[in-house]
Amino acid sequence: MSHVGQFLDALHRVAAGGTAIDPEVASRLLTRRRAAEAVAALTGREREVLALMAQGLGNAALARRLDVTGNAVQKHIRNIFAKLGLPPDAEADRRVAAVLRHLEALGR
């Protein structure tokens, strides 16, 4: 369908009392909503760890900042990956993917 045809179709829907939403906008809204729901499922401490990861802190810095052991940090990060549905993947960095979900949930 041409752009003119899509426009006319949307115009007719709106004139009939319906709505017209750009598919890209709808896709972004759904992505943001799913990310927000996934991040909301994290515990307060896990969200804190994720926010600090988004600031670029590594595990040792996280442990110092949170006054916990390195093992505790690793456990929180494993839980974050699991709750966000980020299994081990040789092609992707789960830490980066988790931070991106965090940013999507914040609407950034």
PDB file of N, CA and C in Angstrom:
ATOM      1  N   MET A   1       0.854  -1.172   0.000  1.00  0.00           N
ATOM      2  CA  MET A   1       0.000   0.000   0.000  1.00  0.00           C
ATOM      3  C   MET A   1       0.901   1.235   0.000  1.00  0.00           C
ATOM      4  N   SER A   2       0.552   2.231  -0.779  1.00  0.00           N
ATOM      5  CA  SER A   2       1.353   3.447  -0.857  1.00  0.00           C
ATOM      6  C   SER A   2       1.153   4.295   0.391  1.00  0.00           C
ATOM      7  N   HIS A   3       2.041   5.261   0.564  1.00  0.00           N
ATOM      8  CA  HIS A   3       1.916   6.159   1.718  1.00  0.00           C
ATOM      9  C   HIS A   3       0.604   6.938   1.652  1.00  0.00           C
ATOM     10  N   VAL A   4       0.209   7.346   0.457  1.00  0.00           N
ATOM     11  CA  VAL A   4      -1.059   8.070   0.289  1.00  0.00           C
ATOM     12  C   VAL A   4      -2.221   7.163   0.680  1.00  0.00           C
ATOM     13  N   GLY A   5      -2.155   5.906   0.243  1.00  0.00           N
ATOM     14  CA  GLY A   5      -3.207   4.946   0.590  1.00  0.00           C
ATOM     15  C   GLY A   5      -3.278   4.710   2.084  1.00  0.00           C
ATOM     16  N   GLN A   6      -2.117   4.592   2.736  1.00  0.00           N
ATOM     17  CA  GLN A   6      -2.088   4.404   4.188  1.00  0.00           C
ATOM     18  C   GLN A   6      -2.669   5.620   4.903  1.00  0.00           C
ATOM     19  N   PHE A   7      -2.319   6.803   4.397  1.00  0.00           N
ATOM     20  CA  PHE A   7      -2.838   8.034   4.994  1.00  0.00           C
ATOM     21  C   PHE A   7      -4.353   8.092   4.858  1.00  0.00           C
ATOM     22  N   LEU A   8      -4.849   7.797   3.677  1.00  0.00           N
ATOM     23  CA  LEU A   8      -6.298   7.847   3.457  1.00  0.00           C
ATOM     24  C   LEU A   8      -7.025   6.818   4.321  1.00  0.00           C
ATOM     25  N   ASP A   9      -6.444   5.634   4.441  1.00  0.00           N
ATOM     26  CA  ASP A   9      -7.030   4.597   5.299  1.00  0.00           C
ATOM     27  C   ASP A   9      -7.114   5.090   6.742  1.00  0.00           C
ATOM     28  N   ALA A  10      -6.025   5.685   7.243  1.00  0.00           N
ATOM     29  CA  ALA A  10      -6.005   6.218   8.611  1.00  0.00           C
ATOM     30  C   ALA A  10      -7.006   7.348   8.758  1.00  0.00           C
ATOM     31  N   LEU A  11      -7.095   8.198   7.754  1.00  0.00           N
ATOM     32  CA  LEU A  11      -8.028   9.318   7.791  1.00  0.00           C
ATOM     33  C   LEU A  11      -9.473   8.827   7.884  1.00  0.00           C
ATOM     34  N   HIS A  12      -9.798   7.804   7.117  1.00  0.00           N
ATOM     35  CA  HIS A  12     -11.156   7.237   7.149  1.00  0.00           C
ATOM     36  C   HIS A  12     -11.451   6.598   8.513  1.00  0.00           C
ATOM     37  N   ARG A  13     -10.456   5.908   9.092  1.00  0.00           N
ATOM     38  CA  ARG A  13     -10.647   5.303  10.417  1.00  0.00           C
ATOM     39  C   ARG A  13     -10.918   6.365  11.467  1.00  0.00           C
ATOM     40  N   VAL A  14     -10.138   7.433  11.446  1.00  0.00           N
ATOM     41  CA  VAL A  14     -10.300   8.502  12.430  1.00  0.00           C
ATOM     42  C   VAL A  14     -11.652   9.198  12.234  1.00  0.00           C
ATOM     43  N   ALA A  15     -12.023   9.451  10.980  1.00  0.00           N
ATOM     44  CA  ALA A  15     -13.317  10.099  10.690  1.00  0.00           C
ATOM     45  C   ALA A  15     -14.479   9.244  11.179  1.00  0.00           C
ATOM     46  N   ALA A  16     -14.287   7.934  11.194  1.00  0.00           N
ATOM     47  CA  ALA A  16     -15.339   7.022  11.646  1.00  0.00           C
ATOM     48  C   ALA A  16     -15.311   6.814  13.155  1.00  0.00           C
ATOM     49  N   GLY A  17     -14.433   7.558  13.849  1.00  0.00           N
ATOM     50  CA  GLY A  17     -14.379   7.452  15.309  1.00  0.00           C
ATOM     51  C   GLY A  17     -13.303   6.514  15.818  1.00  0.00           C
ATOM     52  N   GLY A  18     -12.514   5.956  14.915  1.00  0.00           N
ATOM     53  CA  GLY A  18     -11.442   5.047  15.311  1.00  0.00           C
ATOM     54  C   GLY A  18     -10.161   5.798  15.607  1.00  0.00           C
ATOM     55  N   THR A  19      -9.090   5.073  15.624  1.00  0.00           N
ATOM     56  CA  THR A  19      -7.777   5.667  15.891  1.00  0.00           C
ATOM     57  C   THR A  19      -6.793   5.242  14.818  1.00  0.00           C
ATOM     58  N   ALA A  20      -5.730   6.000  14.730  1.00  0.00           N
ATOM     59  CA  ALA A  20      -4.649   5.671  13.808  1.00  0.00           C
ATOM     60  C   ALA A  20      -3.336   5.843  14.553  1.00  0.00           C
ATOM     61  N   ILE A  21      -2.613   4.753  14.696  1.00  0.00           N
ATOM     62  CA  ILE A  21      -1.332   4.792  15.390  1.00  0.00           C
ATOM     63  C   ILE A  21      -0.267   4.251  14.449  1.00  0.00           C
ATOM     64  N   ASP A  22       0.816   4.982  14.351  1.00  0.00           N
ATOM     65  CA  ASP A  22       1.932   4.538  13.530  1.00  0.00           C
ATOM     66  C   ASP A  22       2.453   3.213  14.087  1.00  0.00           C
ATOM     67  N   PRO A  23       2.670   2.213  13.228  1.00  0.00           N
ATOM     68  CA  PRO A  23       3.146   0.913  13.717  1.00  0.00           C
ATOM     69  C   PRO A  23       4.459   1.007  14.484  1.00  0.00           C
ATOM     70  N   GLU A  24       5.342   1.905  14.079  1.00  0.00           N
ATOM     71  CA  GLU A  24       6.618   2.075  14.784  1.00  0.00           C
ATOM     72  C   GLU A  24       6.384   2.607  16.198  1.00  0.00           C
ATOM     73  N   VAL A  25       5.476   3.541  16.340  1.00  0.00           N
ATOM     74  CA  VAL A  25       5.141   4.093  17.658  1.00  0.00           C
ATOM     75  C   VAL A  25       4.536   3.002  18.529  1.00  0.00           C
ATOM     76  N   ALA A  26       3.614   2.243  17.971  1.00  0.00           N
ATOM     77  CA  ALA A  26       2.984   1.156  18.725  1.00  0.00           C
ATOM     78  C   ALA A  26       4.024   0.132  19.176  1.00  0.00           C
ATOM     79  N   SER A  27       4.946  -0.199  18.286  1.00  0.00           N
ATOM     80  CA  SER A  27       5.996  -1.162  18.615  1.00  0.00           C
ATOM     81  C   SER A  27       6.873  -0.651  19.755  1.00  0.00           C
ATOM     82  N   ARG A  28       7.246   0.612  19.694  1.00  0.00           N
ATOM     83  CA  ARG A  28       8.080   1.187  20.763  1.00  0.00           C
ATOM     84  C   ARG A  28       7.350   1.219  22.096  1.00  0.00           C
ATOM     85  N   LEU A  29       6.065   1.545  22.064  1.00  0.00           N
ATOM     86  CA  LEU A  29       5.285   1.560  23.307  1.00  0.00           C
ATOM     87  C   LEU A  29       5.189   0.172  23.922  1.00  0.00           C
ATOM     88  N   LEU A  30       4.982  -0.845  23.086  1.00  0.00           N
ATOM     89  CA  LEU A  30       4.898  -2.217  23.594  1.00  0.00           C
ATOM     90  C   LEU A  30       6.237  -2.672  24.147  1.00  0.00           C
ATOM     91  N   THR A  31       7.326  -2.334  23.455  1.00  0.00           N
ATOM     92  CA  THR A  31       8.665  -2.699  23.926  1.00  0.00           C
ATOM     93  C   THR A  31       8.935  -2.062  25.280  1.00  0.00           C
ATOM     94  N   ARG A  32       8.605  -0.782  25.405  1.00  0.00           N
ATOM     95  CA  ARG A  32       8.822  -0.069  26.667  1.00  0.00           C
ATOM     96  C   ARG A  32       7.983  -0.693  27.782  1.00  0.00           C
ATOM     97  N   ARG A  33       6.729  -1.061  27.464  1.00  0.00           N
ATOM     98  CA  ARG A  33       5.846  -1.649  28.478  1.00  0.00           C
ATOM     99  C   ARG A  33       6.383  -2.996  28.954  1.00  0.00           C
ATOM    100  N   ARG A  34       6.815  -3.840  27.993  1.00  0.00           N
ATOM    101  CA  ARG A  34       7.360  -5.153  28.381  1.00  0.00           C
ATOM    102  C   ARG A  34       8.602  -4.990  29.236  1.00  0.00           C
ATOM    103  N   ALA A  35       9.473  -4.050  28.866  1.00  0.00           N
ATOM    104  CA  ALA A  35      10.686  -3.807  29.644  1.00  0.00           C
ATOM    105  C   ALA A  35      10.331  -3.333  31.046  1.00  0.00           C
ATOM    106  N   ALA A  36       9.364  -2.427  31.144  1.00  0.00           N
ATOM    107  CA  ALA A  36       8.956  -1.906  32.446  1.00  0.00           C
ATOM    108  C   ALA A  36       8.382  -3.013  33.323  1.00  0.00           C
ATOM    109  N   GLU A  37       7.587  -3.901  32.730  1.00  0.00           N
ATOM    110  CA  GLU A  37       7.009  -5.011  33.493  1.00  0.00           C
ATOM    111  C   GLU A  37       8.098  -5.960  33.979  1.00  0.00           C
ATOM    112  N   ALA A  38       9.066  -6.241  33.116  1.00  0.00           N
ATOM    113  CA  ALA A  38      10.151  -7.150  33.502  1.00  0.00           C
ATOM    114  C   ALA A  38      10.993  -6.539  34.614  1.00  0.00           C
ATOM    115  N   VAL A  39      11.325  -5.272  34.496  1.00  0.00           N
ATOM    116  CA  VAL A  39      12.129  -4.606  35.523  1.00  0.00           C
ATOM    117  C   VAL A  39      11.334  -4.490  36.823  1.00  0.00           C
ATOM    118  N   ALA A  40      10.033  -4.278  36.726  1.00  0.00           N
ATOM    119  CA  ALA A  40       9.199  -4.186  37.925  1.00  0.00           C
ATOM    120  C   ALA A  40       9.165  -5.501  38.698  1.00  0.00           C
ATOM    121  N   ALA A  41       9.421  -6.622  38.017  1.00  0.00           N
ATOM    122  CA  ALA A  41       9.427  -7.934  38.675  1.00  0.00           C
ATOM    123  C   ALA A  41      10.686  -8.148  39.514  1.00  0.00           C
ATOM    124  N   LEU A  42      11.670  -7.286  39.354  1.00  0.00           N
ATOM    125  CA  LEU A  42      12.906  -7.408  40.137  1.00  0.00           C
ATOM    126  C   LEU A  42      12.665  -6.925  41.563  1.00  0.00           C
ATOM    127  N   THR A  43      13.463  -7.456  42.495  1.00  0.00           N
ATOM    128  CA  THR A  43      13.403  -6.959  43.866  1.00  0.00           C
ATOM    129  C   THR A  43      14.015  -5.564  43.906  1.00  0.00           C
ATOM    130  N   GLY A  44      13.808  -4.865  44.992  1.00  0.00           N
ATOM    131  CA  GLY A  44      14.408  -3.540  45.148  1.00  0.00           C
ATOM    132  C   GLY A  44      15.918  -3.582  45.024  1.00  0.00           C
ATOM    133  N   ARG A  45      16.536  -4.570  45.630  1.00  0.00           N
ATOM    134  CA  ARG A  45      17.995  -4.686  45.569  1.00  0.00           C
ATOM    135  C   ARG A  45      18.454  -4.988  44.148  1.00  0.00           C
ATOM    136  N   GLU A  46      17.713  -5.853  43.447  1.00  0.00           N
ATOM    137  CA  GLU A  46      18.079  -6.172  42.066  1.00  0.00           C
ATOM    138  C   GLU A  46      17.960  -4.941  41.176  1.00  0.00           C
ATOM    139  N   ARG A  47      16.933  -4.123  41.402  1.00  0.00           N
ATOM    140  CA  ARG A  47      16.803  -2.873  40.630  1.00  0.00           C
ATOM    141  C   ARG A  47      17.950  -1.926  40.956  1.00  0.00           C
ATOM    142  N   GLU A  48      18.369  -1.914  42.207  1.00  0.00           N
ATOM    143  CA  GLU A  48      19.501  -1.078  42.619  1.00  0.00           C
ATOM    144  C   GLU A  48      20.776  -1.538  41.918  1.00  0.00           C
ATOM    145  N   VAL A  49      21.000  -2.848  41.890  1.00  0.00           N
ATOM    146  CA  VAL A  49      22.168  -3.405  41.205  1.00  0.00           C
ATOM    147  C   VAL A  49      22.119  -3.052  39.720  1.00  0.00           C
ATOM    148  N   LEU A  50      20.960  -3.206  39.118  1.00  0.00           N
ATOM    149  CA  LEU A  50      20.813  -2.910  37.689  1.00  0.00           C
ATOM    150  C   LEU A  50      21.069  -1.433  37.404  1.00  0.00           C
ATOM    151  N   ALA A  51      20.574  -0.559  38.254  1.00  0.00           N
ATOM    152  CA  ALA A  51      20.808   0.882  38.070  1.00  0.00           C
ATOM    153  C   ALA A  51      22.292   1.205  38.173  1.00  0.00           C
ATOM    154  N   LEU A  52      22.988   0.560  39.093  1.00  0.00           N
ATOM    155  CA  LEU A  52      24.431   0.779  39.224  1.00  0.00           C
ATOM    156  C   LEU A  52      25.196   0.185  38.042  1.00  0.00           C
ATOM    157  N   MET A  53      24.710  -0.944  37.530  1.00  0.00           N
ATOM    158  CA  MET A  53      25.304  -1.507  36.316  1.00  0.00           C
ATOM    159  C   MET A  53      25.151  -0.508  35.166  1.00  0.00           C
ATOM    160  N   ALA A  54      24.009   0.160  35.103  1.00  0.00           N
ATOM    161  CA  ALA A  54      23.755   1.143  34.048  1.00  0.00           C
ATOM    162  C   ALA A  54      24.691   2.340  34.168  1.00  0.00           C
ATOM    163  N   GLN A  55      25.232   2.559  35.361  1.00  0.00           N
ATOM    164  CA  GLN A  55      26.200   3.632  35.565  1.00  0.00           C
ATOM    165  C   GLN A  55      27.608   3.180  35.176  1.00  0.00           C
ATOM    166  N   GLY A  56      27.743   1.907  34.816  1.00  0.00           N
ATOM    167  CA  GLY A  56      29.035   1.389  34.360  1.00  0.00           C
ATOM    168  C   GLY A  56      29.856   0.699  35.431  1.00  0.00           C
ATOM    169  N   LEU A  57      29.300   0.478  36.599  1.00  0.00           N
ATOM    170  CA  LEU A  57      30.062  -0.167  37.663  1.00  0.00           C
ATOM    171  C   LEU A  57      30.247  -1.649  37.377  1.00  0.00           C
ATOM    172  N   GLY A  58      31.452  -2.141  37.622  1.00  0.00           N
ATOM    173  CA  GLY A  58      31.741  -3.558  37.518  1.00  0.00           C
ATOM    174  C   GLY A  58      31.391  -4.250  38.829  1.00  0.00           C
ATOM    175  N   ASN A  59      31.565  -5.558  38.852  1.00  0.00           N
ATOM    176  CA  ASN A  59      31.172  -6.333  40.037  1.00  0.00           C
ATOM    177  C   ASN A  59      31.895  -5.908  41.305  1.00  0.00           C
ATOM    178  N   ALA A  60      33.197  -5.672  41.222  1.00  0.00           N
ATOM    179  CA  ALA A  60      33.944  -5.277  42.423  1.00  0.00           C
ATOM    180  C   ALA A  60      33.447  -3.932  42.951  1.00  0.00           C
ATOM    181  N   ALA A  61      33.201  -2.986  42.055  1.00  0.00           N
ATOM    182  CA  ALA A  61      32.697  -1.675  42.474  1.00  0.00           C
ATOM    183  C   ALA A  61      31.281  -1.799  43.041  1.00  0.00           C
ATOM    184  N   LEU A  62      30.472  -2.669  42.442  1.00  0.00           N
ATOM    185  CA  LEU A  62      29.125  -2.912  42.976  1.00  0.00           C
ATOM    186  C   LEU A  62      29.205  -3.441  44.402  1.00  0.00           C
ATOM    187  N   ALA A  63      30.077  -4.409  44.624  1.00  0.00           N
ATOM    188  CA  ALA A  63      30.216  -5.005  45.958  1.00  0.00           C
ATOM    189  C   ALA A  63      30.623  -3.942  46.975  1.00  0.00           C
ATOM    190  N   ARG A  64      31.592  -3.095  46.606  1.00  0.00           N
ATOM    191  CA  ARG A  64      32.018  -2.035  47.531  1.00  0.00           C
ATOM    192  C   ARG A  64      30.870  -1.050  47.794  1.00  0.00           C
ATOM    193  N   ARG A  65      30.199  -0.619  46.738  1.00  0.00           N
ATOM    194  CA  ARG A  65      29.133   0.382  46.865  1.00  0.00           C
ATOM    195  C   ARG A  65      27.986  -0.145  47.724  1.00  0.00           C
ATOM    196  N   LEU A  66      27.657  -1.431  47.546  1.00  0.00           N
ATOM    197  CA  LEU A  66      26.526  -2.023  48.271  1.00  0.00           C
ATOM    198  C   LEU A  66      26.931  -2.655  49.590  1.00  0.00           C
ATOM    199  N   ASP A  67      28.241  -2.681  49.853  1.00  0.00           N
ATOM    200  CA  ASP A  67      28.787  -3.284  51.070  1.00  0.00           C
ATOM    201  C   ASP A  67      28.350  -4.739  51.207  1.00  0.00           C
ATOM    202  N   VAL A  68      28.546  -5.492  50.104  1.00  0.00           N
ATOM    203  CA  VAL A  68      28.243  -6.923  50.077  1.00  0.00           C
ATOM    204  C   VAL A  68      29.438  -7.650  49.453  1.00  0.00           C
ATOM    205  N   THR A  69      29.387  -8.957  49.475  1.00  0.00           N
ATOM    206  CA  THR A  69      30.465  -9.751  48.894  1.00  0.00           C
ATOM    207  C   THR A  69      30.311  -9.817  47.368  1.00  0.00           C
ATOM    208  N   GLY A  70      31.397 -10.196  46.729  1.00  0.00           N
ATOM    209  CA  GLY A  70      31.351 -10.410  45.288  1.00  0.00           C
ATOM    210  C   GLY A  70      30.376 -11.506  44.911  1.00  0.00           C
ATOM    211  N   ASN A  71      30.289 -12.538  45.758  1.00  0.00           N
ATOM    212  CA  ASN A  71      29.331 -13.620  45.498  1.00  0.00           C
ATOM    213  C   ASN A  71      27.891 -13.122  45.550  1.00  0.00           C
ATOM    214  N   ALA A  72      27.605 -12.205  46.471  1.00  0.00           N
ATOM    215  CA  ALA A  72      26.252 -11.647  46.562  1.00  0.00           C
ATOM    216  C   ALA A  72      25.924 -10.858  45.294  1.00  0.00           C
ATOM    217  N   VAL A  73      26.881 -10.098  44.800  1.00  0.00           N
ATOM    218  CA  VAL A  73      26.684  -9.340  43.558  1.00  0.00           C
ATOM    219  C   VAL A  73      26.415 -10.305  42.403  1.00  0.00           C
ATOM    220  N   GLN A  74      27.212 -11.352  42.307  1.00  0.00           N
ATOM    221  CA  GLN A  74      27.012 -12.333  41.236  1.00  0.00           C
ATOM    222  C   GLN A  74      25.631 -12.974  41.320  1.00  0.00           C
ATOM    223  N   LYS A  75      25.179 -13.262  42.531  1.00  0.00           N
ATOM    224  CA  LYS A  75      23.847 -13.847  42.715  1.00  0.00           C
ATOM    225  C   LYS A  75      22.768 -12.882  42.247  1.00  0.00           C
ATOM    226  N   HIS A  76      22.883 -11.607  42.616  1.00  0.00           N
ATOM    227  CA  HIS A  76      21.902 -10.606  42.181  1.00  0.00           C
ATOM    228  C   HIS A  76      21.878 -10.505  40.658  1.00  0.00           C
ATOM    229  N   ILE A  77      23.052 -10.496  40.053  1.00  0.00           N
ATOM    230  CA  ILE A  77      23.134 -10.368  38.592  1.00  0.00           C
ATOM    231  C   ILE A  77      22.538 -11.601  37.913  1.00  0.00           C
ATOM    232  N   ARG A  78      22.813 -12.783  38.435  1.00  0.00           N
ATOM    233  CA  ARG A  78      22.195 -14.008  37.881  1.00  0.00           C
ATOM    234  C   ARG A  78      20.674 -13.926  37.963  1.00  0.00           C
ATOM    235  N   ASN A  79      20.166 -13.452  39.104  1.00  0.00           N
ATOM    236  CA  ASN A  79      18.717 -13.307  39.267  1.00  0.00           C
ATOM    237  C   ASN A  79      18.143 -12.285  38.288  1.00  0.00           C
ATOM    238  N   ILE A  80      18.855 -11.195  38.079  1.00  0.00           N
ATOM    239  CA  ILE A  80      18.416 -10.172  37.120  1.00  0.00           C
ATOM    240  C   ILE A  80      18.325 -10.785  35.731  1.00  0.00           C
ATOM    241  N   PHE A  81      19.380 -11.491  35.322  1.00  0.00           N
ATOM    242  CA  PHE A  81      19.380 -12.119  33.997  1.00  0.00           C
ATOM    243  C   PHE A  81      18.207 -13.087  33.854  1.00  0.00           C
ATOM    244  N   ALA A  82      17.969 -13.881  34.883  1.00  0.00           N
ATOM    245  CA  ALA A  82      16.883 -14.868  34.825  1.00  0.00           C
ATOM    246  C   ALA A  82      15.525 -14.176  34.724  1.00  0.00           C
ATOM    247  N   LYS A  83      15.287 -13.180  35.566  1.00  0.00           N
ATOM    248  CA  LYS A  83      13.993 -12.503  35.576  1.00  0.00           C
ATOM    249  C   LYS A  83      13.741 -11.682  34.321  1.00  0.00           C
ATOM    250  N   LEU A  84      14.812 -11.207  33.686  1.00  0.00           N
ATOM    251  CA  LEU A  84      14.665 -10.449  32.446  1.00  0.00           C
ATOM    252  C   LEU A  84      14.665 -11.354  31.213  1.00  0.00           C
ATOM    253  N   GLY A  85      14.777 -12.671  31.454  1.00  0.00           N
ATOM    254  CA  GLY A  85      14.752 -13.615  30.336  1.00  0.00           C
ATOM    255  C   GLY A  85      15.972 -13.506  29.452  1.00  0.00           C
ATOM    256  N   LEU A  86      17.141 -13.401  30.069  1.00  0.00           N
ATOM    257  CA  LEU A  86      18.393 -13.253  29.326  1.00  0.00           C
ATOM    258  C   LEU A  86      19.288 -14.470  29.569  1.00  0.00           C
ATOM    259  N   PRO A  87      19.069 -15.550  28.819  1.00  0.00           N
ATOM    260  CA  PRO A  87      19.906 -16.741  28.993  1.00  0.00           C
ATOM    261  C   PRO A  87      21.309 -16.491  28.442  1.00  0.00           C
ATOM    262  N   PRO A  88      22.271 -17.330  28.830  1.00  0.00           N
ATOM    263  CA  PRO A  88      23.619 -17.188  28.270  1.00  0.00           C
ATOM    264  C   PRO A  88      23.557 -17.235  26.745  1.00  0.00           C
ATOM    265  N   ASP A  89      24.335 -16.368  26.120  1.00  0.00           N
ATOM    266  CA  ASP A  89      24.312 -16.258  24.670  1.00  0.00           C
ATOM    267  C   ASP A  89      25.697 -15.843  24.201  1.00  0.00           C
ATOM    268  N   ALA A  90      26.296 -16.658  23.363  1.00  0.00           N
ATOM    269  CA  ALA A  90      27.639 -16.366  22.861  1.00  0.00           C
ATOM    270  C   ALA A  90      27.656 -15.137  21.962  1.00  0.00           C
ATOM    271  N   GLU A  91      26.515 -14.751  21.434  1.00  0.00           N
ATOM    272  CA  GLU A  91      26.433 -13.643  20.485  1.00  0.00           C
ATOM    273  C   GLU A  91      26.108 -12.304  21.145  1.00  0.00           C
ATOM    274  N   ALA A  92      25.602 -12.323  22.383  1.00  0.00           N
ATOM    275  CA  ALA A  92      25.155 -11.083  23.017  1.00  0.00           C
ATOM    276  C   ALA A  92      25.707 -10.971  24.433  1.00  0.00           C
ATOM    277  N   ASP A  93      25.884  -9.745  24.889  1.00  0.00           N
ATOM    278  CA  ASP A  93      26.344  -9.469  26.245  1.00  0.00           C
ATOM    279  C   ASP A  93      25.111  -9.254  27.122  1.00  0.00           C
ATOM    280  N   ARG A  94      24.862 -10.183  28.034  1.00  0.00           N
ATOM    281  CA  ARG A  94      23.669 -10.108  28.877  1.00  0.00           C
ATOM    282  C   ARG A  94      23.664  -8.860  29.749  1.00  0.00           C
ATOM    283  N   ARG A  95      24.828  -8.429  30.188  1.00  0.00           N
ATOM    284  CA  ARG A  95      24.913  -7.245  31.028  1.00  0.00           C
ATOM    285  C   ARG A  95      24.421  -6.013  30.252  1.00  0.00           C
ATOM    286  N   VAL A  96      24.867  -5.898  29.017  1.00  0.00           N
ATOM    287  CA  VAL A  96      24.421  -4.785  28.172  1.00  0.00           C
ATOM    288  C   VAL A  96      22.926  -4.897  27.903  1.00  0.00           C
ATOM    289  N   ALA A  97      22.449  -6.101  27.610  1.00  0.00           N
ATOM    290  CA  ALA A  97      21.024  -6.309  27.344  1.00  0.00           C
ATOM    291  C   ALA A  97      20.188  -5.935  28.566  1.00  0.00           C
ATOM    292  N   ALA A  98      20.646  -6.279  29.756  1.00  0.00           N
ATOM    293  CA  ALA A  98      19.915  -5.944  30.985  1.00  0.00           C
ATOM    294  C   ALA A  98      19.853  -4.430  31.176  1.00  0.00           C
ATOM    295  N   VAL A  99      20.963  -3.759  30.934  1.00  0.00           N
ATOM    296  CA  VAL A  99      20.992  -2.296  31.069  1.00  0.00           C
ATOM    297  C   VAL A  99      20.063  -1.660  30.043  1.00  0.00           C
ATOM    298  N   LEU A 100      20.026  -2.201  28.827  1.00  0.00           N
ATOM    299  CA  LEU A 100      19.121  -1.658  27.817  1.00  0.00           C
ATOM    300  C   LEU A 100      17.665  -1.820  28.248  1.00  0.00           C
ATOM    301  N   ARG A 101      17.319  -2.960  28.845  1.00  0.00           N
ATOM    302  CA  ARG A 101      15.952  -3.149  29.360  1.00  0.00           C
ATOM    303  C   ARG A 101      15.640  -2.118  30.444  1.00  0.00           C
ATOM    304  N   HIS A 102      16.624  -1.882  31.309  1.00  0.00           N
ATOM    305  CA  HIS A 102      16.471  -0.887  32.376  1.00  0.00           C
ATOM    306  C   HIS A 102      16.188   0.492  31.766  1.00  0.00           C
ATOM    307  N   LEU A 103      16.961   0.860  30.763  1.00  0.00           N
ATOM    308  CA  LEU A 103      16.777   2.171  30.115  1.00  0.00           C
ATOM    309  C   LEU A 103      15.442   2.241  29.381  1.00  0.00           C
ATOM    310  N   GLU A 104      15.051   1.155  28.731  1.00  0.00           N
ATOM    311  CA  GLU A 104      13.743   1.124  28.049  1.00  0.00           C
ATOM    312  C   GLU A 104      12.615   1.316  29.057  1.00  0.00           C
ATOM    313  N   ALA A 105      12.754   0.671  30.207  1.00  0.00           N
ATOM    314  CA  ALA A 105      11.726   0.782  31.239  1.00  0.00           C
ATOM    315  C   ALA A 105      11.624   2.221  31.755  1.00  0.00           C
ATOM    316  N   LEU A 106      12.737   2.918  31.741  1.00  0.00           N
ATOM    317  CA  LEU A 106      12.743   4.320  32.179  1.00  0.00           C
ATOM    318  C   LEU A 106      12.255   5.254  31.065  1.00  0.00           C
ATOM    319  N   GLY A 107      12.050   4.700  29.868  1.00  0.00           N
ATOM    320  CA  GLY A 107      11.590   5.530  28.751  1.00  0.00           C
ATOM    321  C   GLY A 107      12.700   6.267  28.051  1.00  0.00           C
ATOM    322  N   ARG A 108      13.925   5.780  28.182  1.00  0.00           N
ATOM    323  CA  ARG A 108      15.057   6.459  27.525  1.00  0.00           C
ATOM    324  C   ARG A 108      15.449   5.746  26.267  1.00  0.00           C
TER     325      ARG A 108
END
